[in-house]
Structures are given as C-alpha cells and as structure tokens.
Amino acid sequence: MNNTNDTDYEFYENYVKTYEKYVTIYYVFYKVYIWVLVGVGVPGNVACILVTTSMTLTTATLYMSLLAVADLLALVLRLISHQIGVYKVPLNTFVCKMDVFVQLVSNYANWTLVLVCCERFLSIRFPLKKKIYFTKKRAILIAVLLGMILCLCYLYAFIQRDHREKRYCVYSQSFYDVVETYWYWITAFIYIFLPFILLLIFPCLIIASLRRQRKAREAMVRTTPDKSGETTQTRVEVAISVMVVWDAIVVFVTYAPICILEIYKPFDIVNLDTVRSTFSMAMSRHIAIALSEANYAVDFVIYFSASKKFRSRFKKLIRKCLTYRCRRDQE
C-alpha cells in the first residue's frame, strides 16, 4: 500500500515539475517575442517611411509608405494588447473592443501588401495604361475603400464584443452561435487565407512580367544600340518590384504555419491528453502567431537587403541627419 502511494506521489511530483517547466518556457517565449519584433520593427518601419517619402512620389512609394505606417501601427497596438494580457489589466468594454480594432489594423496591413503587389504587377505589365488609369488619386481612393470594406467586415464583431467579469472578453450570447459556425471562417478567410493566396499569385505574375520586360528591353538595345534601353525611372520601378516580390515571398513563407493551424484547429485532430502534447500545440500556435506578426517588422530588412537603390537612399538620409546634427551642435 505504501509502495503504491509512493509511486503515485512520484508520478504526481514528476507531472507537476514537467508542467511547471513547460509553463515557464511558454511564458518566457510569450513575454519576450513581442519585444524582439518591436525592437526591430518600430525603428525599421520609421526608416521605411522616411526613405520612401524621400523618393519621387508615385503609386508604388505611396503604397509602400502606407504599408510601413500600417505595419508600425499594428506592432504598437499588438504590443499594447500583449502588455494588457501580461500584466493582467482589468478588462472593460473599451479594452475588449480595442482587441477587434487590433485585428482590423493587422488585417489592413496584410491587405496593403496585396495592394502593393497588385500595383507593381499593373506597373510592370501595363506601364502605359497604368499611368492613365491608376493615378495617385485613384490609388488613395482604393486604399480608403479597402479600409472601409474591412471596417464593415469587423463592424458587427466590434458591436458584439464585450467583457465578462474581469478577465474575459466574449461575444454576446446571440452572436456566439455565429462565431462558432461562421465568423471563425469569415475572419480566417479575409485575414489569412485570401491574402495568403494572393501573395502567392502576384509575385509569380510580377516575376513573369519582369522577365518579359527585360526581354523587350534587350530586343530594343539590339535594334537601337546607340540608345539606352533602360531609363532611370525603369531602374527604380524594377528595384521597387524586386523589393516587393521578396517581401511577398517572406510573408508567404511566414504565414504558411498559421494557415495550416487555422485549417485543422476546428476539427480537434491533435490529441491533447498529455502535458507534452498540450505544450507542443500551444507552443506551435504561438510560434506560428509570432512568425505571422514578424511580417510587420521585417520590411526594412528585406528592402535594405534586396535593393541597392533603397540602401543608397537610406545611407544618404543618415548622412543628412548626421550633418544636420553636427551643424546644430556647432551653432
């Protein structure tokens, strides 16, 4: 009898130790990852805004600036939401509804990248028609309409979302059945799956258009060897397109894990009858979320690595800032 009790006690003690170890790993990762993204993403997005706004204003630089602003806002809002959870701030109606707003801004950032890819494809594939039909005013109008459509998509959730007691944000009981059956797939489709699919299609179209444009340029050079077949504006357009393609590829790769998890999450395929399996599932989900949120932080790294034009602009901007500071110190 004593041996049985000792065995049960040892089993329970090992279980508690294993559980505490996994919980510690989980919360360390949860507390640290957002600060890494903010540390890289906030200065990086600020640098992207400064560099792109210093370039000639086109629909491409306009959308890239908008993307940097959306990414910056998404990171800041996610940090605030994260810290509310870490420090167990008592919830109220405003905080619960802000969670919907965070999802809306993050979704808008994803769709802004789709807009950038669409603009790049139209610019490379139809350069003459694009200048006529896709003007700066229309580009701004499209971005505003996109924001309004997403606001309408999230409006009902924003109205229904509220707090219960101190630690929970829930939807109203009348909306709960809709959440369980329809809303999950609606938000997953407009927030993850559809942008994911479009970010797979557009880079392929852009690459094909760039290859076609290069062949046309080479043919022009062969027929008119005394003239340059590539203008400065063309080189800028190609450089921006390369940056956008790399950005879309990175987003596609980092969004793949969360897409896979979101697909099989409602079906309860994974067996969660042990501490290890529960921990593995929770960590897998948070790593996938961290990877998807990393897209708001890596634009500057991608642009700086992929484009010589962007690097030279950034270095020129830094030199200007240092020169201005030296002059101000001397005065």
Protein backbone atom coordinates (compact mmCIF):
# COMPACT_ATOMS: atom_id res chain seq x y z
CA MET A 1 0.00 0.00 0.00
CA ASN A 2 2.80 2.38 0.90
CA ASN A 3 4.66 1.49 -2.28
CA THR A 4 1.58 2.34 -4.31
CA ASN A 5 1.22 5.70 -2.55
CA ASP A 6 4.93 6.44 -3.07
CA THR A 7 4.63 5.60 -6.76
CA ASP A 8 1.55 7.82 -7.15
CA TYR A 9 3.29 10.64 -5.30
CA GLU A 10 6.41 10.36 -7.50
CA PHE A 11 4.23 10.33 -10.61
CA TYR A 12 2.35 13.40 -9.40
CA GLU A 13 5.60 15.18 -8.48
CA ASN A 14 7.14 14.47 -11.90
CA TYR A 15 3.94 15.62 -13.57
CA VAL A 16 3.99 18.92 -11.65
CA LYS A 17 7.67 19.51 -12.44
CA THR A 18 7.13 18.79 -16.13
CA TYR A 19 4.09 21.05 -16.18
CA GLU A 20 5.96 23.91 -14.46
CA LYS A 21 8.91 23.54 -16.85
CA TYR A 22 6.66 23.76 -19.90
CA VAL A 23 4.70 26.68 -18.48
CA THR A 24 7.96 28.55 -17.79
CA ILE A 25 9.20 28.00 -21.36
CA TYR A 26 5.83 29.05 -22.75
CA TYR A 27 5.59 32.30 -20.77
CA VAL A 28 9.23 33.27 -21.35
CA PHE A 29 8.66 32.96 -25.07
CA TYR A 30 5.34 34.79 -24.82
CA LYS A 31 6.84 37.70 -22.87
CA VAL A 32 9.99 38.10 -24.97
CA TYR A 33 8.98 37.63 -28.61
CA ILE A 34 6.89 40.80 -28.94
CA TRP A 35 9.77 42.96 -27.68
CA VAL A 36 12.10 41.47 -30.29
CA LEU A 37 9.59 42.30 -33.02
CA VAL A 38 9.03 45.82 -31.67
CA GLY A 39 12.78 46.40 -31.26
CA VAL A 40 13.34 45.53 -34.91
CA GLY A 41 10.06 46.68 -36.41
CA VAL A 42 9.44 50.13 -34.93
CA PRO A 43 12.76 51.73 -36.00
CA GLY A 44 12.69 49.73 -39.23
CA ASN A 45 9.22 50.93 -40.21
CA VAL A 46 10.10 54.52 -39.26
CA ALA A 47 13.16 54.23 -41.53
CA CYS A 48 10.98 52.82 -44.34
CA ILE A 49 8.57 55.75 -44.02
CA LEU A 50 11.42 58.28 -44.13
CA VAL A 51 13.15 56.62 -47.11
CA THR A 52 10.03 56.01 -49.23
CA THR A 53 8.68 59.53 -48.62
CA SER A 54 12.05 60.95 -49.71
CA MET A 55 11.67 59.21 -53.08
CA THR A 56 9.69 60.59 -56.00
CA LEU A 57 6.00 60.29 -55.16
CA THR A 58 4.47 57.50 -57.22
CA THR A 59 1.73 54.99 -56.56
CA ALA A 60 4.44 52.50 -55.55
CA THR A 61 6.13 54.76 -52.98
CA LEU A 62 2.69 55.87 -51.76
CA TYR A 63 1.59 52.30 -51.07
CA MET A 64 4.97 51.34 -49.58
CA SER A 65 4.73 54.30 -47.18
CA LEU A 66 1.17 53.27 -46.31
CA LEU A 67 2.36 49.70 -45.71
CA ALA A 68 5.09 50.91 -43.34
CA VAL A 69 2.56 53.06 -41.43
CA ALA A 70 0.09 50.15 -41.17
CA ASP A 71 2.84 47.77 -40.01
CA LEU A 72 4.05 50.29 -37.43
CA LEU A 73 0.54 50.84 -36.07
CA ALA A 74 -0.14 47.09 -36.00
CA LEU A 75 3.05 46.46 -34.00
CA VAL A 76 2.32 49.21 -31.47
CA LEU A 77 -1.28 48.08 -30.96
CA ARG A 78 -0.24 44.44 -30.61
CA LEU A 79 2.36 45.45 -28.01
CA ILE A 80 -0.30 47.32 -26.01
CA SER A 81 -2.68 44.35 -26.23
CA HIS A 82 0.14 41.98 -25.26
CA GLN A 83 1.10 44.02 -22.19
CA ILE A 84 -2.53 44.19 -21.07
CA GLY A 85 -2.53 40.40 -21.03
CA VAL A 86 0.89 40.05 -19.37
CA TYR A 87 0.11 42.45 -16.52
CA LYS A 88 -3.48 41.20 -16.17
CA VAL A 89 -5.04 44.62 -16.53
CA PRO A 90 -8.74 44.51 -15.57
CA LEU A 91 -10.75 44.49 -18.76
CA ASN A 92 -13.61 46.76 -19.68
CA THR A 93 -15.74 47.39 -22.75
CA PHE A 94 -13.17 49.71 -24.32
CA VAL A 95 -10.29 47.22 -23.99
CA CYS A 96 -12.38 44.37 -25.38
CA LYS A 97 -13.46 46.38 -28.38
CA MET A 98 -9.86 47.54 -28.90
CA ASP A 99 -8.94 43.89 -29.47
CA VAL A 100 -11.20 43.90 -32.55
CA PHE A 101 -9.55 47.14 -33.70
CA VAL A 102 -6.11 45.49 -33.38
CA GLN A 103 -7.28 42.67 -35.63
CA LEU A 104 -8.67 45.22 -38.09
CA VAL A 105 -5.39 47.17 -38.32
CA SER A 106 -3.35 43.96 -38.67
CA ASN A 107 -5.69 42.80 -41.43
CA TYR A 108 -5.36 46.15 -43.20
CA ALA A 109 -1.56 45.82 -43.08
CA ASN A 110 -1.81 42.41 -44.78
CA TRP A 111 -4.12 43.75 -47.48
CA THR A 112 -1.92 46.80 -48.04
CA LEU A 113 0.89 44.46 -49.07
CA VAL A 114 -1.56 42.83 -51.51
CA LEU A 115 -2.29 46.33 -52.87
CA VAL A 116 1.45 46.96 -53.29
CA CYS A 117 1.85 43.68 -55.20
CA CYS A 118 -1.18 44.47 -57.38
CA GLU A 119 0.19 47.94 -58.16
CA ARG A 120 3.60 46.50 -59.05
CA PHE A 121 2.04 43.95 -61.40
CA LEU A 122 0.00 46.61 -63.19
CA SER A 123 3.02 48.92 -63.41
CA ILE A 124 5.28 46.28 -64.92
CA ARG A 125 2.71 44.55 -67.13
CA PHE A 126 0.80 47.61 -68.38
CA PRO A 127 3.11 50.63 -67.90
CA LEU A 128 1.30 52.97 -70.31
CA LYS A 129 -2.25 52.07 -69.27
CA LYS A 130 -1.26 52.19 -65.60
CA LYS A 131 -0.20 55.84 -65.89
CA ILE A 132 -3.61 56.67 -67.35
CA TYR A 133 -5.98 54.56 -65.25
CA PHE A 134 -4.09 54.01 -61.98
CA THR A 135 -3.27 57.54 -60.85
CA LYS A 136 -2.21 58.67 -57.36
CA LYS A 137 -5.70 59.91 -56.53
CA ARG A 138 -7.23 56.60 -57.54
CA ALA A 139 -4.56 54.74 -55.56
CA ILE A 140 -5.52 56.74 -52.46
CA LEU A 141 -9.22 56.11 -53.16
CA ILE A 142 -8.61 52.35 -53.43
CA ALA A 143 -6.70 52.33 -50.12
CA VAL A 144 -9.54 54.24 -48.41
CA LEU A 145 -12.19 51.92 -49.89
CA LEU A 146 -10.19 48.90 -48.71
CA GLY A 147 -10.16 50.30 -45.18
CA MET A 148 -13.92 50.97 -45.30
CA ILE A 149 -14.66 47.44 -46.53
CA LEU A 150 -12.59 45.90 -43.74
CA CYS A 151 -14.29 48.19 -41.19
CA LEU A 152 -17.67 46.93 -42.40
CA CYS A 153 -16.44 43.33 -42.12
CA TYR A 154 -15.45 43.87 -38.47
CA LEU A 155 -18.29 46.23 -37.50
CA TYR A 156 -20.70 43.60 -36.18
CA ALA A 157 -17.92 41.92 -34.18
CA PHE A 158 -16.93 45.32 -32.78
CA ILE A 159 -20.51 45.92 -31.63
CA GLN A 160 -20.97 42.46 -30.12
CA ARG A 161 -17.59 42.17 -28.38
CA ASP A 162 -17.75 42.95 -24.64
CA HIS A 163 -16.20 41.99 -21.31
CA ARG A 164 -17.42 39.45 -18.79
CA GLU A 165 -16.28 39.75 -15.17
CA LYS A 166 -12.65 40.99 -15.12
CA ARG A 167 -10.54 38.66 -17.21
CA TYR A 168 -12.64 37.72 -20.22
CA CYS A 169 -13.66 39.33 -23.50
CA VAL A 170 -16.52 37.46 -25.12
CA TYR A 171 -19.18 37.91 -27.75
CA SER A 172 -22.81 38.23 -26.76
CA GLN A 173 -24.81 35.02 -26.44
CA SER A 174 -26.86 35.87 -29.53
CA PHE A 175 -23.66 36.17 -31.56
CA TYR A 176 -21.99 33.08 -30.06
CA ASP A 177 -23.52 30.58 -32.50
CA VAL A 178 -22.48 32.79 -35.42
CA VAL A 179 -18.95 32.94 -34.01
CA GLU A 180 -18.73 29.18 -33.67
CA THR A 181 -20.10 28.35 -37.11
CA TYR A 182 -19.44 31.25 -39.49
CA TRP A 183 -17.39 34.08 -38.01
CA TYR A 184 -14.28 31.95 -37.44
CA TRP A 185 -14.07 31.01 -41.11
CA ILE A 186 -15.02 34.50 -42.34
CA THR A 187 -12.21 36.18 -40.37
CA ALA A 188 -9.74 33.41 -41.21
CA PHE A 189 -10.57 33.83 -44.90
CA ILE A 190 -10.25 37.63 -45.10
CA TYR A 191 -7.37 37.87 -42.60
CA ILE A 192 -5.21 34.88 -43.55
CA PHE A 193 -6.26 32.65 -46.44
CA LEU A 194 -7.21 35.15 -49.16
CA PRO A 195 -4.15 37.44 -48.66
CA PHE A 196 -2.01 34.29 -48.46
CA ILE A 197 -3.33 33.05 -51.83
CA LEU A 198 -2.98 36.45 -53.49
CA LEU A 199 0.57 36.83 -52.18
CA LEU A 200 1.34 33.53 -53.87
CA ILE A 201 -0.17 34.62 -57.20
CA PHE A 202 1.04 38.22 -57.55
CA PRO A 203 4.80 37.59 -57.08
CA CYS A 204 4.64 34.94 -59.80
CA LEU A 205 2.88 37.40 -62.12
CA ILE A 206 5.39 40.15 -61.26
CA ILE A 207 8.38 37.88 -61.92
CA ALA A 208 6.89 36.78 -65.26
CA SER A 209 6.23 40.43 -66.20
CA LEU A 210 9.77 41.46 -65.23
CA ARG A 211 11.22 38.72 -67.42
CA ARG A 212 9.03 39.81 -70.33
CA GLN A 213 10.05 43.44 -69.81
CA ARG A 214 13.74 42.50 -69.70
CA LYS A 215 13.47 40.59 -72.98
CA ALA A 216 11.72 43.56 -74.61
CA ARG A 217 14.48 45.85 -73.34
CA GLU A 218 17.20 43.57 -74.68
CA ALA A 219 15.49 43.49 -78.08
CA MET A 220 15.30 47.29 -78.07
CA VAL A 221 19.01 47.56 -77.26
CA ARG A 222 19.87 45.20 -80.13
CA THR A 223 17.84 47.21 -82.62
CA THR A 224 18.99 50.65 -81.32
CA PRO A 225 22.49 50.09 -79.88
CA ASP A 226 23.24 53.81 -79.69
CA LYS A 227 20.45 54.45 -77.18
CA SER A 228 19.96 53.19 -73.65
CA GLY A 229 17.14 50.71 -73.35
CA GLU A 230 16.71 51.32 -69.64
CA THR A 231 15.87 54.71 -68.16
CA THR A 232 16.41 55.83 -64.58
CA GLN A 233 12.70 55.54 -63.87
CA THR A 234 12.67 51.99 -65.24
CA ARG A 235 15.54 51.01 -62.93
CA VAL A 236 13.65 52.49 -59.97
CA GLU A 237 10.47 50.60 -60.93
CA VAL A 238 12.39 47.33 -61.24
CA ALA A 239 14.15 47.91 -57.89
CA ILE A 240 10.83 48.54 -56.14
CA SER A 241 9.32 45.46 -57.79
CA VAL A 242 12.20 43.27 -56.58
CA MET A 243 11.74 44.56 -53.02
CA VAL A 244 8.00 43.88 -53.15
CA VAL A 245 8.49 40.36 -54.54
CA TRP A 246 10.92 39.46 -51.76
CA ASP A 247 8.56 40.95 -49.17
CA ALA A 248 5.65 38.91 -50.53
CA ILE A 249 7.74 35.71 -50.55
CA VAL A 250 8.77 36.23 -46.91
CA VAL A 251 5.16 36.90 -45.92
CA PHE A 252 4.02 33.80 -47.80
CA VAL A 253 6.58 31.59 -46.03
CA THR A 254 5.96 33.00 -42.56
CA TYR A 255 2.18 32.84 -42.95
CA ALA A 256 2.15 29.19 -44.01
CA PRO A 257 2.29 27.78 -40.42
CA ILE A 258 -0.65 29.86 -39.15
CA CYS A 259 -2.67 28.91 -42.25
CA ILE A 260 -2.10 25.21 -41.55
CA LEU A 261 -3.01 25.61 -37.86
CA GLU A 262 -6.15 27.61 -38.63
CA ILE A 263 -7.35 24.95 -41.07
CA TYR A 264 -7.25 21.99 -38.69
CA LYS A 265 -7.92 23.86 -35.42
CA PRO A 266 -11.74 23.49 -35.53
CA PHE A 267 -11.53 19.75 -36.19
CA ASP A 268 -9.65 18.78 -32.97
CA ILE A 269 -7.28 16.48 -34.84
CA VAL A 270 -4.47 16.70 -32.29
CA ASN A 271 -4.77 14.53 -29.18
CA LEU A 272 -4.24 16.74 -26.10
CA ASP A 273 -4.34 14.08 -23.39
CA THR A 274 -0.75 14.64 -22.16
CA VAL A 275 1.18 17.64 -20.90
CA ARG A 276 3.71 17.30 -23.72
CA SER A 277 1.08 17.29 -26.46
CA THR A 278 -0.74 20.27 -24.91
CA PHE A 279 2.52 22.18 -24.60
CA SER A 280 3.56 21.28 -28.16
CA MET A 281 0.25 22.50 -29.54
CA ALA A 282 0.32 25.75 -27.54
CA MET A 283 3.94 26.47 -28.49
CA SER A 284 3.32 25.64 -32.14
CA ARG A 285 0.41 28.06 -32.23
CA HIS A 286 2.35 30.88 -30.57
CA ILE A 287 5.39 30.34 -32.79
CA ALA A 288 3.08 30.47 -35.83
CA ILE A 289 1.49 33.68 -34.49
CA ALA A 290 4.94 35.17 -33.82
CA LEU A 291 6.02 34.34 -37.39
CA SER A 292 2.89 35.94 -38.84
CA GLU A 293 3.41 39.06 -36.70
CA ALA A 294 7.07 39.20 -37.75
CA ASN A 295 5.82 40.38 -41.14
CA TYR A 296 5.08 43.76 -39.55
CA ALA A 297 8.73 44.07 -38.50
CA VAL A 298 10.91 42.80 -41.35
CA ASP A 299 10.11 45.16 -44.23
CA PHE A 300 13.16 47.33 -43.65
CA VAL A 301 15.50 44.31 -43.50
CA ILE A 302 14.03 42.96 -46.76
CA TYR A 303 14.19 46.30 -48.58
CA PHE A 304 17.72 47.02 -47.35
CA SER A 305 18.96 43.56 -48.40
CA ALA A 306 17.14 43.38 -51.74
CA SER A 307 17.63 46.85 -53.22
CA LYS A 308 20.79 48.84 -53.79
CA LYS A 309 18.61 51.87 -54.50
CA PHE A 310 16.98 51.62 -51.08
CA ARG A 311 20.36 51.19 -49.37
CA SER A 312 21.80 54.26 -51.08
CA ARG A 313 18.72 56.32 -50.17
CA PHE A 314 18.91 55.19 -46.56
CA LYS A 315 22.64 55.95 -46.29
CA LYS A 316 22.08 59.36 -47.86
CA LEU A 317 19.32 60.07 -45.35
CA ILE A 318 21.58 59.04 -42.45
CA ARG A 319 24.38 61.30 -43.72
CA LYS A 320 21.96 64.20 -43.95
CA CYS A 321 20.79 63.63 -40.39
CA LEU A 322 24.36 63.42 -39.07
CA THR A 323 25.40 66.54 -41.00
CA TYR A 324 22.40 68.46 -39.67
CA ARG A 325 23.17 67.37 -36.11
CA CYS A 326 26.84 68.38 -36.42
CA ARG A 327 25.86 71.81 -37.69
CA ARG A 328 23.37 72.27 -34.89
CA ASP A 329 25.98 71.24 -32.29
CA GLN A 330 28.47 73.71 -33.74
CA GLU A 331 25.93 76.53 -33.54
